[in-house]
Amino acid sequence: MIFKTLLIGVVAFIGYGEYFLTGRGQVSRPIVMGPLTGLVLGDLKTGIIIGASLELAYIGVQEVGASVPQDMVSSGVLGTVFAISTGKGISAALTFGLPISMLILIVQNLAYVFICPLYVAKCDKYAKNGEPDKLSRMSFWGGTIVNFVPSIILIMLAYYFGNGFSKTIVAMIPQFVQDGLVVASGLLPAFGFAMLLQAILRKEIVPYFIIGFLITSYLKVPIIGVSLFGLAVILIMYYQEKKNALNIAEQEDDDDF
């Protein structure tokens, strides 16, 4: 149990690491955290399913400016943990993973408000004294440790103490409530795509949205087929635009000559 708890901490570290260590590789998203957690718990298949299901809910979630969305690392890790431990699938991921991820987000915000100013003051001091090495170490390790180590510890504690607790809570939940959670989990993809459309929808892409809807609804083409069709359309547009730009450049050269 302790070894698996440490491995869960490593998975959480990988997820949070993209903010300071690996760059924006999108490894913090549930579609990555779910399979990694499932691999640790010995149920990779369920990890993939839960990660993909949660990803549909988060597909439109991005950090924009000062806005801080719900913590995806803890949701992906703990949602998968409770889904596997209780055997209830995505409904358990919703019941436990999402609320706990909100709690961890609150802890992160408290760290931003009360602890981060302390190491920022240290950074200011090192900058004023002309100590670039200390400034670099404090800005890197201070941000990493203060912002995300408490979150990793909370995820590990939630895993270590939460398995038996989660099973007890699930057993106490009436069956009609559990059925309602299953129905709600089916609405998550629609909610996620609605958020995505709200962010990117413009009149220029409405025709493509309608084409995708018609292909799926009336021709019954599976999602992989629709994705490949979309890829083909993108490639046609890309090469056509490239060809047009080349023709325009050649025409301008002829006019100059």
Protein backbone atom coordinates (compact mmCIF):
# COMPACT_ATOMS: atom_id res chain seq x y z
CA MET A 1 0.00 0.00 0.00
CA ILE A 2 2.80 2.41 0.90
CA PHE A 3 4.65 1.59 -2.32
CA LYS A 4 1.58 2.26 -4.43
CA THR A 5 0.99 5.49 -2.52
CA LEU A 6 4.50 6.61 -3.46
CA LEU A 7 3.83 5.67 -7.09
CA ILE A 8 0.61 7.71 -7.02
CA GLY A 9 2.73 10.60 -5.78
CA VAL A 10 5.11 10.08 -8.71
CA VAL A 11 2.17 10.19 -11.16
CA ALA A 12 0.95 13.43 -9.56
CA PHE A 13 4.49 14.83 -9.73
CA ILE A 14 4.61 14.05 -13.47
CA GLY A 15 1.32 15.88 -13.93
CA TYR A 16 2.33 18.96 -11.97
CA GLY A 17 5.83 18.84 -13.43
CA GLU A 18 4.69 20.30 -16.72
CA TYR A 19 4.18 23.65 -15.03
CA PHE A 20 7.83 23.97 -14.01
CA LEU A 21 9.88 21.03 -15.30
CA THR A 22 8.80 19.74 -18.70
CA GLY A 23 6.94 22.63 -20.33
CA ARG A 24 3.43 22.58 -21.70
CA GLY A 25 3.22 19.01 -22.94
CA GLN A 26 -0.40 18.59 -21.75
CA VAL A 27 0.64 15.66 -19.53
CA SER A 28 -1.43 17.12 -16.68
CA ARG A 29 -4.70 16.37 -18.44
CA PRO A 30 -6.91 13.43 -17.38
CA ILE A 31 -6.30 11.54 -20.61
CA VAL A 32 -2.68 11.10 -19.45
CA MET A 33 -3.19 10.96 -15.69
CA GLY A 34 -5.92 8.30 -15.94
CA PRO A 35 -3.87 5.65 -17.79
CA LEU A 36 -0.79 6.29 -15.63
CA THR A 37 -2.87 5.86 -12.47
CA GLY A 38 -4.51 2.74 -13.88
CA LEU A 39 -1.07 1.34 -14.68
CA VAL A 40 0.02 1.88 -11.05
CA LEU A 41 -3.13 0.19 -9.74
CA GLY A 42 -2.87 -2.72 -12.17
CA ASP A 43 -5.97 -1.83 -14.23
CA LEU A 44 -4.73 0.03 -17.29
CA LYS A 45 -7.95 -0.54 -19.25
CA THR A 46 -10.14 1.18 -16.65
CA GLY A 47 -7.54 3.93 -16.33
CA ILE A 48 -7.78 4.63 -20.06
CA ILE A 49 -11.59 4.64 -19.98
CA ILE A 50 -11.83 6.96 -16.96
CA GLY A 51 -9.09 9.25 -18.26
CA ALA A 52 -10.81 9.59 -21.63
CA SER A 53 -14.22 10.18 -19.99
CA LEU A 54 -12.86 12.92 -17.73
CA GLU A 55 -10.95 14.43 -20.64
CA LEU A 56 -14.22 14.94 -22.49
CA ALA A 57 -15.44 16.98 -19.52
CA TYR A 58 -12.22 19.02 -19.43
CA ILE A 59 -11.70 19.33 -23.16
CA GLY A 60 -12.69 23.00 -23.13
CA VAL A 61 -10.84 23.88 -19.93
CA GLN A 62 -7.74 26.03 -20.37
CA GLU A 63 -5.95 28.58 -18.23
CA VAL A 64 -6.66 32.00 -19.70
CA GLY A 65 -4.97 34.98 -18.09
CA ALA A 66 -5.46 34.99 -14.34
CA SER A 67 -8.31 32.45 -14.37
CA VAL A 68 -7.54 29.15 -12.62
CA PRO A 69 -9.67 26.20 -13.77
CA GLN A 70 -10.39 23.16 -11.66
CA ASP A 71 -7.26 21.15 -10.85
CA MET A 72 -7.03 18.50 -13.56
CA VAL A 73 -4.14 16.50 -12.09
CA SER A 74 -5.89 15.58 -8.85
CA SER A 75 -9.18 15.01 -10.66
CA GLY A 76 -7.56 12.65 -13.17
CA VAL A 77 -5.55 10.75 -10.55
CA LEU A 78 -8.13 10.51 -7.76
CA GLY A 79 -11.06 10.05 -10.11
CA THR A 80 -9.33 7.02 -11.58
CA VAL A 81 -8.32 5.76 -8.12
CA PHE A 82 -11.87 5.81 -6.77
CA ALA A 83 -13.37 4.48 -9.98
CA ILE A 84 -11.09 1.42 -9.80
CA SER A 85 -11.26 0.91 -6.03
CA THR A 86 -15.07 1.06 -5.87
CA GLY A 87 -15.77 -0.63 -9.19
CA LYS A 88 -18.34 2.07 -10.03
CA GLY A 89 -16.56 3.56 -13.04
CA ILE A 90 -17.08 7.16 -14.09
CA SER A 91 -19.86 7.75 -11.55
CA ALA A 92 -17.35 7.18 -8.71
CA ALA A 93 -14.88 9.45 -10.47
CA LEU A 94 -17.50 12.19 -10.41
CA THR A 95 -18.56 11.52 -6.83
CA PHE A 96 -15.08 11.69 -5.31
CA GLY A 97 -12.52 12.92 -7.84
CA LEU A 98 -14.09 16.24 -8.79
CA PRO A 99 -14.95 17.49 -5.26
CA ILE A 100 -11.51 16.54 -3.92
CA SER A 101 -9.86 18.31 -6.84
CA MET A 102 -11.78 21.45 -5.87
CA LEU A 103 -10.43 21.10 -2.32
CA ILE A 104 -6.89 20.80 -3.64
CA LEU A 105 -7.43 23.86 -5.80
CA ILE A 106 -8.44 25.78 -2.67
CA VAL A 107 -5.21 24.65 -0.98
CA GLN A 108 -3.23 25.84 -4.00
CA ASN A 109 -4.94 29.22 -3.89
CA LEU A 110 -4.20 29.55 -0.18
CA ALA A 111 -0.56 28.83 -0.92
CA TYR A 112 -0.58 31.50 -3.62
CA VAL A 113 -2.05 34.06 -1.23
CA PHE A 114 -0.18 33.38 2.01
CA ILE A 115 3.05 31.54 1.18
CA CYS A 116 4.11 32.65 -2.30
CA PRO A 117 4.69 36.29 -1.22
CA LEU A 118 7.35 35.02 1.19
CA TYR A 119 9.58 33.50 -1.47
CA VAL A 120 8.79 36.35 -3.87
CA ALA A 121 10.21 38.71 -1.23
CA LYS A 122 13.29 36.50 -1.10
CA CYS A 123 13.59 36.72 -4.88
CA ASP A 124 13.40 40.51 -4.65
CA LYS A 125 16.13 40.50 -2.02
CA TYR A 126 18.47 38.34 -4.13
CA ALA A 127 17.81 40.51 -7.18
CA LYS A 128 18.58 43.67 -5.20
CA ASN A 129 21.82 42.17 -3.86
CA GLY A 130 22.90 41.02 -7.32
CA GLU A 131 22.84 37.28 -6.55
CA PRO A 132 21.51 35.68 -9.77
CA ASP A 133 22.26 32.06 -8.76
CA LYS A 134 20.25 32.32 -5.54
CA LEU A 135 17.51 34.21 -7.39
CA SER A 136 17.25 31.45 -10.00
CA ARG A 137 17.15 28.67 -7.40
CA MET A 138 14.58 30.45 -5.25
CA SER A 139 12.28 31.28 -8.18
CA PHE A 140 12.41 27.71 -9.52
CA TRP A 141 12.34 25.60 -6.37
CA GLY A 142 10.24 28.05 -4.40
CA GLY A 143 7.50 28.02 -7.02
CA THR A 144 7.68 24.27 -7.49
CA ILE A 145 7.72 23.27 -3.84
CA VAL A 146 5.27 25.81 -2.44
CA ASN A 147 2.74 25.58 -5.23
CA PHE A 148 2.55 21.83 -5.93
CA VAL A 149 4.24 19.74 -3.23
CA PRO A 150 1.27 20.28 -0.85
CA SER A 151 -1.07 19.15 -3.64
CA ILE A 152 0.98 16.00 -4.26
CA ILE A 153 0.95 15.20 -0.54
CA LEU A 154 -2.83 15.68 -0.39
CA ILE A 155 -3.32 13.35 -3.37
CA MET A 156 -1.16 10.69 -1.71
CA LEU A 157 -3.07 11.02 1.59
CA ALA A 158 -6.42 10.88 -0.23
CA TYR A 159 -5.32 7.65 -1.91
CA TYR A 160 -3.89 6.09 1.25
CA PHE A 161 -6.86 6.83 3.51
CA GLY A 162 -9.60 7.14 0.96
CA ASN A 163 -10.08 3.65 -0.46
CA GLY A 164 -11.99 2.18 2.47
CA PHE A 165 -13.79 5.45 3.05
CA SER A 166 -14.91 5.70 -0.57
CA LYS A 167 -16.27 2.13 -0.57
CA THR A 168 -18.23 2.85 2.61
CA ILE A 169 -19.69 6.06 1.18
CA VAL A 170 -20.66 4.38 -2.09
CA ALA A 171 -22.43 1.63 -0.17
CA MET A 172 -24.45 4.28 1.69
CA ILE A 173 -25.55 6.12 -1.45
CA PRO A 174 -29.04 5.05 -2.62
CA GLN A 175 -29.17 3.23 -5.91
CA PHE A 176 -31.31 5.91 -7.60
CA VAL A 177 -28.64 8.51 -6.76
CA GLN A 178 -25.94 6.29 -8.23
CA ASP A 179 -28.07 5.86 -11.35
CA GLY A 180 -28.39 9.64 -11.54
CA LEU A 181 -24.62 9.99 -11.37
CA VAL A 182 -24.28 7.55 -14.25
CA VAL A 183 -26.69 9.68 -16.30
CA ALA A 184 -24.79 12.82 -15.32
CA SER A 185 -21.54 11.23 -16.46
CA GLY A 186 -23.11 10.80 -19.89
CA LEU A 187 -23.73 14.55 -20.02
CA LEU A 188 -20.10 15.40 -19.34
CA PRO A 189 -18.94 15.13 -22.97
CA ALA A 190 -21.70 17.53 -24.06
CA PHE A 191 -20.71 19.94 -21.29
CA GLY A 192 -17.02 19.75 -22.21
CA PHE A 193 -17.65 20.33 -25.90
CA ALA A 194 -20.03 23.19 -25.10
CA MET A 195 -17.23 24.90 -23.18
CA LEU A 196 -14.86 24.30 -26.09
CA LEU A 197 -17.32 25.69 -28.63
CA GLN A 198 -17.92 28.73 -26.46
CA ALA A 199 -14.20 29.48 -26.64
CA ILE A 200 -13.55 28.83 -30.35
CA LEU A 201 -16.87 29.06 -32.18
CA ARG A 202 -16.84 31.62 -34.98
CA LYS A 203 -19.04 31.99 -38.02
CA GLU A 204 -16.20 30.71 -40.25
CA ILE A 205 -16.19 27.27 -38.58
CA VAL A 206 -19.95 26.81 -38.18
CA PRO A 207 -20.22 24.94 -41.55
CA TYR A 208 -17.62 22.41 -40.42
CA PHE A 209 -19.48 21.90 -37.16
CA ILE A 210 -22.69 21.21 -39.09
CA ILE A 211 -20.89 18.82 -41.48
CA GLY A 212 -19.49 16.85 -38.52
CA PHE A 213 -22.91 16.67 -36.92
CA LEU A 214 -24.55 15.42 -40.15
CA ILE A 215 -21.85 12.80 -40.75
CA THR A 216 -22.21 11.45 -37.22
CA SER A 217 -26.00 11.62 -36.89
CA TYR A 218 -27.21 10.59 -40.36
CA LEU A 219 -24.35 8.59 -41.86
CA LYS A 220 -23.50 6.90 -38.53
CA VAL A 221 -19.76 7.33 -39.11
CA PRO A 222 -17.81 6.56 -35.88
CA ILE A 223 -15.75 9.26 -34.21
CA ILE A 224 -12.47 7.93 -35.63
CA GLY A 225 -13.90 8.18 -39.15
CA VAL A 226 -15.06 11.75 -38.52
CA SER A 227 -11.61 12.63 -37.14
CA LEU A 228 -9.88 11.21 -40.22
CA PHE A 229 -12.32 13.09 -42.47
CA GLY A 230 -11.52 16.30 -40.58
CA LEU A 231 -7.80 15.62 -40.93
CA ALA A 232 -8.21 15.18 -44.69
CA VAL A 233 -10.11 18.48 -44.95
CA ILE A 234 -7.40 20.27 -42.97
CA LEU A 235 -4.65 18.86 -45.21
CA ILE A 236 -6.55 19.89 -48.36
CA MET A 237 -7.00 23.41 -47.02
CA TYR A 238 -3.36 23.62 -45.92
CA TYR A 239 -1.86 22.55 -49.22
CA GLN A 240 -4.34 24.63 -51.22
CA GLU A 241 -3.48 27.71 -49.19
CA LYS A 242 0.23 26.97 -49.60
CA LYS A 243 -0.23 26.59 -53.36
CA ASN A 244 -2.18 29.86 -53.58
CA ALA A 245 0.51 31.70 -51.60
CA LEU A 246 3.18 30.32 -53.96
CA ASN A 247 1.20 31.40 -57.02
CA ILE A 248 0.77 34.90 -55.59
CA ALA A 249 4.50 35.13 -54.87
CA GLU A 250 5.36 34.02 -58.43
CA GLN A 251 2.88 36.52 -59.87
CA GLU A 252 4.43 39.35 -57.84
CA ASP A 253 7.90 38.33 -59.07
CA ASP A 254 6.69 38.44 -62.69
CA ASP A 255 5.15 41.88 -62.14
CA ASP A 256 8.41 43.17 -60.64
CA PHE A 257 10.35 41.80 -63.60
